[in-house]
Amino acid sequence: MTKILFTKAIHQDLLDVFLTDKAEVVCKPTLSIELTEANIIFNQIDFTTNQYIVTSQNTVNAIQTLDLDGHFFVVGKKTAEKLEAQNRNVILVEDYAKDLAPKLVSGKYKTNWNFLCGSTRRDLLVDELEKQQQAVNQIITYQSSQIVYQLDEIFDVYVFFSPLSFKAFHQKNKIPTSSRIFTIGNTTTAAVQEVYPNYPITTAETPLVEVVLQNIKEYINDKK
């Protein structure tokens, strides 16, 4: 049976759908998420603009009790779905920040933004907007902390969901050459390739957990 390490918690319902009886699964998160208190977020919002950039489901969880009347520009389909479930007005959705940035710049939008982001957010969106003299009000909606541990067993499959998560794992662990690596997207794959440039890595075409699980399921089936 294939042994799989997920470096984040995966809902059992999803595991049952994709990997029932196909694998021995271990979930050991490498990140801890702490949401910012809603009132702290609210007090930092620039209400002269009604434009909000959201790039993480963690942010959606952090703002769920806030009444924010405006337009939301989003990275990630699941993130957009959760915002819409909160009755937010989602205007634009892209899979990656690099794809969202040029559309924010070229669109007929106001030139000031509320960026609801995590403590370890990438610079790309802010850099691209500021290059075009657009103002970005950054509000930290959650803190990401690394969880560092050393494994005492070897897995056939290692699964990573962010560059920071992989870097936490890599501090005390090495991946055997015989193992296969799966990632949720291009930025995570790039981080892994810096350490393991010659390892086979399967990257989800769309950055969704379900796509990652489907890729793993197909890999296991092909091994039979």
C-alpha atoms as a PDB file:
ATOM      1  CA  MET A   1       0.000   0.000   0.000  1.00  0.00           C
ATOM      2  CA  THR A   2       1.268   3.475  -0.915  1.00  0.00           C
ATOM      3  CA  LYS A   3       2.299   5.604   2.066  1.00  0.00           C
ATOM      4  CA  ILE A   4       1.437   9.285   1.657  1.00  0.00           C
ATOM      5  CA  LEU A   5       2.440  12.288   3.752  1.00  0.00           C
ATOM      6  CA  PHE A   6       0.236  15.371   3.499  1.00  0.00           C
ATOM      7  CA  THR A   7       1.809  18.476   5.043  1.00  0.00           C
ATOM      8  CA  LYS A   8      -1.589  19.941   5.874  1.00  0.00           C
ATOM      9  CA  ALA A   9      -4.812  18.542   7.275  1.00  0.00           C
ATOM     10  CA  ILE A  10      -7.056  17.049   4.587  1.00  0.00           C
ATOM     11  CA  HIS A  11     -10.751  16.555   5.275  1.00  0.00           C
ATOM     12  CA  GLN A  12     -11.584  12.885   5.693  1.00  0.00           C
ATOM     13  CA  ASP A  13     -14.511  13.149   3.253  1.00  0.00           C
ATOM     14  CA  LEU A  14     -12.083  14.081   0.474  1.00  0.00           C
ATOM     15  CA  LEU A  15      -9.692  11.285   1.379  1.00  0.00           C
ATOM     16  CA  ASP A  16     -12.578   8.833   1.298  1.00  0.00           C
ATOM     17  CA  VAL A  17     -13.594   9.976  -2.181  1.00  0.00           C
ATOM     18  CA  PHE A  18     -10.154   9.845  -3.782  1.00  0.00           C
ATOM     19  CA  LEU A  19      -8.001   7.436  -1.797  1.00  0.00           C
ATOM     20  CA  THR A  20     -10.287   4.894  -0.134  1.00  0.00           C
ATOM     21  CA  ASP A  21      -8.365   1.604   0.286  1.00  0.00           C
ATOM     22  CA  LYS A  22      -5.637   2.918  -2.000  1.00  0.00           C
ATOM     23  CA  ALA A  23      -3.137   4.336   0.481  1.00  0.00           C
ATOM     24  CA  GLU A  24      -1.905   4.712   4.015  1.00  0.00           C
ATOM     25  CA  VAL A  25      -2.348   8.419   4.725  1.00  0.00           C
ATOM     26  CA  VAL A  26      -0.612  10.571   7.328  1.00  0.00           C
ATOM     27  CA  CYS A  27      -1.429  14.281   7.750  1.00  0.00           C
ATOM     28  CA  LYS A  28       1.244  16.270   9.588  1.00  0.00           C
ATOM     29  CA  PRO A  29       0.813  20.038   9.086  1.00  0.00           C
ATOM     30  CA  THR A  30       3.908  22.181   8.722  1.00  0.00           C
ATOM     31  CA  LEU A  31       2.080  25.467   9.242  1.00  0.00           C
ATOM     32  CA  SER A  32       0.028  26.905  12.082  1.00  0.00           C
ATOM     33  CA  ILE A  33      -2.525  29.603  11.223  1.00  0.00           C
ATOM     34  CA  GLU A  34      -3.727  32.245  13.699  1.00  0.00           C
ATOM     35  CA  LEU A  35      -6.498  34.556  12.519  1.00  0.00           C
ATOM     36  CA  THR A  36      -6.376  38.271  13.328  1.00  0.00           C
ATOM     37  CA  GLU A  37      -9.263  39.491  15.458  1.00  0.00           C
ATOM     38  CA  ALA A  38     -12.054  40.898  13.320  1.00  0.00           C
ATOM     39  CA  ASN A  39     -12.137  44.299  15.035  1.00  0.00           C
ATOM     40  CA  ILE A  40      -8.408  44.761  14.441  1.00  0.00           C
ATOM     41  CA  ILE A  41      -8.907  44.066  10.733  1.00  0.00           C
ATOM     42  CA  PHE A  42     -11.913  46.379  10.551  1.00  0.00           C
ATOM     43  CA  ASN A  43     -10.066  49.289  12.153  1.00  0.00           C
ATOM     44  CA  GLN A  44      -7.342  49.142   9.466  1.00  0.00           C
ATOM     45  CA  ILE A  45      -9.612  49.169   6.427  1.00  0.00           C
ATOM     46  CA  ASP A  46      -9.464  52.175   4.122  1.00  0.00           C
ATOM     47  CA  PHE A  47     -13.135  52.940   3.516  1.00  0.00           C
ATOM     48  CA  THR A  48     -12.332  55.562   0.864  1.00  0.00           C
ATOM     49  CA  THR A  49     -12.123  52.583  -1.504  1.00  0.00           C
ATOM     50  CA  ASN A  50     -14.454  49.615  -1.834  1.00  0.00           C
ATOM     51  CA  GLN A  51     -11.901  47.334  -3.514  1.00  0.00           C
ATOM     52  CA  TYR A  52     -10.551  44.298  -1.692  1.00  0.00           C
ATOM     53  CA  ILE A  53      -7.865  41.851  -2.796  1.00  0.00           C
ATOM     54  CA  VAL A  54      -8.060  38.393  -1.209  1.00  0.00           C
ATOM     55  CA  THR A  55      -5.564  35.602  -1.903  1.00  0.00           C
ATOM     56  CA  SER A  56      -6.293  32.999   0.789  1.00  0.00           C
ATOM     57  CA  GLN A  57      -9.138  31.053   2.328  1.00  0.00           C
ATOM     58  CA  ASN A  58      -7.663  31.976   5.708  1.00  0.00           C
ATOM     59  CA  THR A  59      -8.569  35.598   5.021  1.00  0.00           C
ATOM     60  CA  VAL A  60     -12.132  34.576   4.193  1.00  0.00           C
ATOM     61  CA  ASN A  61     -12.366  32.899   7.588  1.00  0.00           C
ATOM     62  CA  ALA A  62     -10.913  35.967   9.304  1.00  0.00           C
ATOM     63  CA  ILE A  63     -13.441  38.421   7.804  1.00  0.00           C
ATOM     64  CA  GLN A  64     -16.554  36.263   7.991  1.00  0.00           C
ATOM     65  CA  THR A  65     -18.198  38.437  10.669  1.00  0.00           C
ATOM     66  CA  LEU A  66     -17.321  41.758   9.016  1.00  0.00           C
ATOM     67  CA  ASP A  67     -19.764  43.791   6.945  1.00  0.00           C
ATOM     68  CA  LEU A  68     -17.591  44.782   3.980  1.00  0.00           C
ATOM     69  CA  ASP A  69     -19.618  46.260   1.151  1.00  0.00           C
ATOM     70  CA  GLY A  70     -17.427  46.302  -1.907  1.00  0.00           C
ATOM     71  CA  HIS A  71     -15.811  44.497  -4.807  1.00  0.00           C
ATOM     72  CA  PHE A  72     -13.529  41.508  -4.277  1.00  0.00           C
ATOM     73  CA  PHE A  73     -10.624  40.521  -6.516  1.00  0.00           C
ATOM     74  CA  VAL A  74      -9.491  37.027  -5.723  1.00  0.00           C
ATOM     75  CA  VAL A  75      -6.746  34.430  -6.148  1.00  0.00           C
ATOM     76  CA  GLY A  76      -8.147  30.907  -6.037  1.00  0.00           C
ATOM     77  CA  LYS A  77     -11.482  29.401  -7.052  1.00  0.00           C
ATOM     78  CA  LYS A  78     -12.186  27.933  -3.606  1.00  0.00           C
ATOM     79  CA  THR A  79     -11.415  31.287  -2.008  1.00  0.00           C
ATOM     80  CA  ALA A  80     -13.881  32.961  -4.373  1.00  0.00           C
ATOM     81  CA  GLU A  81     -16.545  30.350  -3.625  1.00  0.00           C
ATOM     82  CA  LYS A  82     -16.199  30.937   0.113  1.00  0.00           C
ATOM     83  CA  LEU A  83     -16.449  34.706  -0.361  1.00  0.00           C
ATOM     84  CA  GLU A  84     -19.586  34.282  -2.449  1.00  0.00           C
ATOM     85  CA  ALA A  85     -21.013  32.065   0.296  1.00  0.00           C
ATOM     86  CA  GLN A  86     -20.604  35.123   2.549  1.00  0.00           C
ATOM     87  CA  ASN A  87     -22.545  37.165  -0.059  1.00  0.00           C
ATOM     88  CA  ARG A  88     -19.445  39.068  -1.144  1.00  0.00           C
ATOM     89  CA  ASN A  89     -19.378  40.614  -4.624  1.00  0.00           C
ATOM     90  CA  VAL A  90     -16.559  38.778  -6.401  1.00  0.00           C
ATOM     91  CA  ILE A  91     -15.518  40.656  -9.542  1.00  0.00           C
ATOM     92  CA  LEU A  92     -12.441  38.771 -10.740  1.00  0.00           C
ATOM     93  CA  VAL A  93     -10.883  35.367 -10.007  1.00  0.00           C
ATOM     94  CA  GLU A  94      -7.517  33.991 -11.133  1.00  0.00           C
ATOM     95  CA  ASP A  95      -5.562  30.900 -10.109  1.00  0.00           C
ATOM     96  CA  TYR A  96      -2.337  32.830  -9.431  1.00  0.00           C
ATOM     97  CA  ALA A  97      -1.346  36.299  -8.278  1.00  0.00           C
ATOM     98  CA  LYS A  98       0.798  36.725 -11.392  1.00  0.00           C
ATOM     99  CA  ASP A  99      -2.351  36.388 -13.499  1.00  0.00           C
ATOM    100  CA  LEU A 100      -4.460  38.667 -11.323  1.00  0.00           C
ATOM    101  CA  ALA A 101      -1.929  41.528 -11.160  1.00  0.00           C
ATOM    102  CA  PRO A 102      -2.050  42.649 -14.831  1.00  0.00           C
ATOM    103  CA  LYS A 103      -5.856  42.569 -14.817  1.00  0.00           C
ATOM    104  CA  LEU A 104      -5.966  44.816 -11.754  1.00  0.00           C
ATOM    105  CA  VAL A 105      -3.602  47.239 -13.460  1.00  0.00           C
ATOM    106  CA  SER A 106      -5.291  47.242 -16.865  1.00  0.00           C
ATOM    107  CA  GLY A 107      -8.888  47.181 -15.618  1.00  0.00           C
ATOM    108  CA  LYS A 108     -10.989  50.290 -15.166  1.00  0.00           C
ATOM    109  CA  TYR A 109     -10.784  50.194 -11.388  1.00  0.00           C
ATOM    110  CA  LYS A 110      -9.941  52.710  -8.704  1.00  0.00           C
ATOM    111  CA  THR A 111      -6.242  53.119  -8.038  1.00  0.00           C
ATOM    112  CA  ASN A 112      -6.314  52.299  -4.336  1.00  0.00           C
ATOM    113  CA  TRP A 113      -6.826  48.880  -2.792  1.00  0.00           C
ATOM    114  CA  ASN A 114      -7.346  47.076   0.493  1.00  0.00           C
ATOM    115  CA  PHE A 115      -5.145  43.967   0.353  1.00  0.00           C
ATOM    116  CA  LEU A 116      -6.346  41.461   2.962  1.00  0.00           C
ATOM    117  CA  CYS A 117      -3.355  39.177   3.275  1.00  0.00           C
ATOM    118  CA  GLY A 118      -1.282  36.863   5.436  1.00  0.00           C
ATOM    119  CA  SER A 119       1.885  37.682   7.327  1.00  0.00           C
ATOM    120  CA  THR A 120       4.036  35.846   4.755  1.00  0.00           C
ATOM    121  CA  ARG A 121       2.370  37.101   1.598  1.00  0.00           C
ATOM    122  CA  ARG A 122       4.437  37.260  -1.592  1.00  0.00           C
ATOM    123  CA  ASP A 123       5.525  40.667  -2.941  1.00  0.00           C
ATOM    124  CA  LEU A 124       4.282  40.258  -6.506  1.00  0.00           C
ATOM    125  CA  LEU A 125       0.843  41.895  -6.281  1.00  0.00           C
ATOM    126  CA  VAL A 126       1.991  44.847  -4.206  1.00  0.00           C
ATOM    127  CA  ASP A 127       5.045  45.419  -6.394  1.00  0.00           C
ATOM    128  CA  GLU A 128       3.050  45.358  -9.628  1.00  0.00           C
ATOM    129  CA  LEU A 129       0.391  47.735  -8.332  1.00  0.00           C
ATOM    130  CA  GLU A 130       2.861  50.178  -6.817  1.00  0.00           C
ATOM    131  CA  LYS A 131       4.840  50.258 -10.072  1.00  0.00           C
ATOM    132  CA  GLN A 132       1.711  51.765 -11.589  1.00  0.00           C
ATOM    133  CA  GLN A 133       1.390  54.351  -8.775  1.00  0.00           C
ATOM    134  CA  GLN A 134      -1.536  52.495  -7.227  1.00  0.00           C
ATOM    135  CA  ALA A 135      -1.917  52.608  -3.460  1.00  0.00           C
ATOM    136  CA  VAL A 136      -2.121  49.348  -1.511  1.00  0.00           C
ATOM    137  CA  ASN A 137      -3.382  49.276   2.069  1.00  0.00           C
ATOM    138  CA  GLN A 138      -2.069  45.977   3.418  1.00  0.00           C
ATOM    139  CA  ILE A 139      -3.992  44.420   6.306  1.00  0.00           C
ATOM    140  CA  ILE A 140      -2.672  41.248   7.943  1.00  0.00           C
ATOM    141  CA  THR A 141      -5.665  38.971   8.438  1.00  0.00           C
ATOM    142  CA  TYR A 142      -3.741  35.931   9.670  1.00  0.00           C
ATOM    143  CA  GLN A 143      -0.302  34.867  10.895  1.00  0.00           C
ATOM    144  CA  SER A 144       1.460  31.797   9.479  1.00  0.00           C
ATOM    145  CA  SER A 145       3.985  30.034  11.723  1.00  0.00           C
ATOM    146  CA  GLN A 146       6.146  27.107  10.695  1.00  0.00           C
ATOM    147  CA  ILE A 147       5.839  23.775  12.480  1.00  0.00           C
ATOM    148  CA  VAL A 148       9.188  22.017  12.299  1.00  0.00           C
ATOM    149  CA  TYR A 149       9.439  18.296  12.992  1.00  0.00           C
ATOM    150  CA  GLN A 150      11.650  15.344  12.105  1.00  0.00           C
ATOM    151  CA  LEU A 151      10.054  12.264  10.598  1.00  0.00           C
ATOM    152  CA  ASP A 152      11.073   8.798  11.704  1.00  0.00           C
ATOM    153  CA  GLU A 153       9.581   7.030   8.701  1.00  0.00           C
ATOM    154  CA  ILE A 154       9.813   7.158   4.907  1.00  0.00           C
ATOM    155  CA  PHE A 155       6.886   7.810   2.579  1.00  0.00           C
ATOM    156  CA  ASP A 156       6.261   6.904  -1.046  1.00  0.00           C
ATOM    157  CA  VAL A 157       4.515  10.226  -1.693  1.00  0.00           C
ATOM    158  CA  TYR A 158       5.119  13.684  -0.202  1.00  0.00           C
ATOM    159  CA  VAL A 159       2.531  16.420  -0.730  1.00  0.00           C
ATOM    160  CA  PHE A 160       3.117  20.170  -0.300  1.00  0.00           C
ATOM    161  CA  PHE A 161       0.705  23.105  -0.422  1.00  0.00           C
ATOM    162  CA  SER A 162       2.850  26.244  -0.154  1.00  0.00           C
ATOM    163  CA  PRO A 163       6.499  27.318  -0.376  1.00  0.00           C
ATOM    164  CA  LEU A 164       6.551  28.183   3.332  1.00  0.00           C
ATOM    165  CA  SER A 165       5.126  24.784   4.233  1.00  0.00           C
ATOM    166  CA  PHE A 166       7.801  23.016   2.187  1.00  0.00           C
ATOM    167  CA  LYS A 167      10.562  25.110   3.734  1.00  0.00           C
ATOM    168  CA  ALA A 168       9.360  24.139   7.219  1.00  0.00           C
ATOM    169  CA  PHE A 169       9.410  20.468   6.254  1.00  0.00           C
ATOM    170  CA  HIS A 170      12.857  20.715   4.658  1.00  0.00           C
ATOM    171  CA  GLN A 171      14.523  22.052   7.803  1.00  0.00           C
ATOM    172  CA  LYS A 172      14.770  18.580   9.354  1.00  0.00           C
ATOM    173  CA  ASN A 173      13.749  16.140   6.633  1.00  0.00           C
ATOM    174  CA  LYS A 174      14.961  14.781   3.313  1.00  0.00           C
ATOM    175  CA  ILE A 175      12.918  13.125   0.599  1.00  0.00           C
ATOM    176  CA  PRO A 176      14.235   9.784  -0.724  1.00  0.00           C
ATOM    177  CA  THR A 177      15.072   9.568  -4.410  1.00  0.00           C
ATOM    178  CA  SER A 178      12.555   6.746  -4.763  1.00  0.00           C
ATOM    179  CA  SER A 179       9.656   8.920  -3.599  1.00  0.00           C
ATOM    180  CA  ARG A 180       7.246  11.021  -5.643  1.00  0.00           C
ATOM    181  CA  ILE A 181       6.386  14.665  -4.882  1.00  0.00           C
ATOM    182  CA  PHE A 182       3.007  16.316  -5.498  1.00  0.00           C
ATOM    183  CA  THR A 183       2.256  20.029  -5.146  1.00  0.00           C
ATOM    184  CA  ILE A 184      -0.799  22.256  -5.331  1.00  0.00           C
ATOM    185  CA  GLY A 185       0.684  24.803  -7.725  1.00  0.00           C
ATOM    186  CA  ASN A 186       3.568  26.383  -9.587  1.00  0.00           C
ATOM    187  CA  THR A 187       4.951  28.538  -6.770  1.00  0.00           C
ATOM    188  CA  THR A 188       5.172  25.539  -4.455  1.00  0.00           C
ATOM    189  CA  THR A 189       6.798  23.449  -7.181  1.00  0.00           C
ATOM    190  CA  ALA A 190       9.386  26.181  -7.757  1.00  0.00           C
ATOM    191  CA  ALA A 191      10.312  26.109  -4.056  1.00  0.00           C
ATOM    192  CA  VAL A 192      10.659  22.320  -4.099  1.00  0.00           C
ATOM    193  CA  GLN A 193      12.735  22.359  -7.278  1.00  0.00           C
ATOM    194  CA  GLU A 194      15.286  24.652  -5.641  1.00  0.00           C
ATOM    195  CA  VAL A 195      16.118  21.752  -3.302  1.00  0.00           C
ATOM    196  CA  TYR A 196      15.195  18.751  -5.460  1.00  0.00           C
ATOM    197  CA  PRO A 197      15.796  19.816  -9.077  1.00  0.00           C
ATOM    198  CA  ASN A 198      15.955  16.266 -10.438  1.00  0.00           C
ATOM    199  CA  TYR A 199      13.006  14.720  -8.605  1.00  0.00           C
ATOM    200  CA  PRO A 200       9.735  13.909 -10.374  1.00  0.00           C
ATOM    201  CA  ILE A 201       7.136  16.466  -9.261  1.00  0.00           C
ATOM    202  CA  THR A 202       3.489  16.447 -10.233  1.00  0.00           C
ATOM    203  CA  THR A 203       1.936  19.921 -10.102  1.00  0.00           C
ATOM    204  CA  ALA A 204      -1.817  20.458 -10.001  1.00  0.00           C
ATOM    205  CA  GLU A 205      -2.954  22.172 -13.214  1.00  0.00           C
ATOM    206  CA  THR A 206      -5.499  24.073 -11.133  1.00  0.00           C
ATOM    207  CA  PRO A 207      -4.465  24.874  -7.532  1.00  0.00           C
ATOM    208  CA  LEU A 208      -7.154  22.868  -5.760  1.00  0.00           C
ATOM    209  CA  VAL A 209      -6.814  20.117  -3.160  1.00  0.00           C
ATOM    210  CA  GLU A 210      -9.210  17.972  -5.193  1.00  0.00           C
ATOM    211  CA  VAL A 211      -6.890  18.180  -8.222  1.00  0.00           C
ATOM    212  CA  VAL A 212      -3.909  17.173  -6.092  1.00  0.00           C
ATOM    213  CA  LEU A 213      -5.834  14.169  -4.776  1.00  0.00           C
ATOM    214  CA  GLN A 214      -6.908  13.172  -8.268  1.00  0.00           C
ATOM    215  CA  ASN A 215      -3.282  13.315  -9.426  1.00  0.00           C
ATOM    216  CA  ILE A 216      -2.236  11.058  -6.559  1.00  0.00           C
ATOM    217  CA  LYS A 217      -5.084   8.649  -7.279  1.00  0.00           C
ATOM    218  CA  GLU A 218      -4.018   8.393 -10.928  1.00  0.00           C
ATOM    219  CA  TYR A 219      -0.400   7.864  -9.906  1.00  0.00           C
ATOM    220  CA  ILE A 220      -1.352   4.997  -7.576  1.00  0.00           C
ATOM    221  CA  ASN A 221      -3.589   3.415 -10.225  1.00  0.00           C
ATOM    222  CA  ASP A 222      -0.797   3.618 -12.830  1.00  0.00           C
ATOM    223  CA  LYS A 223       1.552   1.773 -10.455  1.00  0.00           C
ATOM    224  CA  LYS A 224      -0.713  -1.270 -10.397  1.00  0.00           C
END
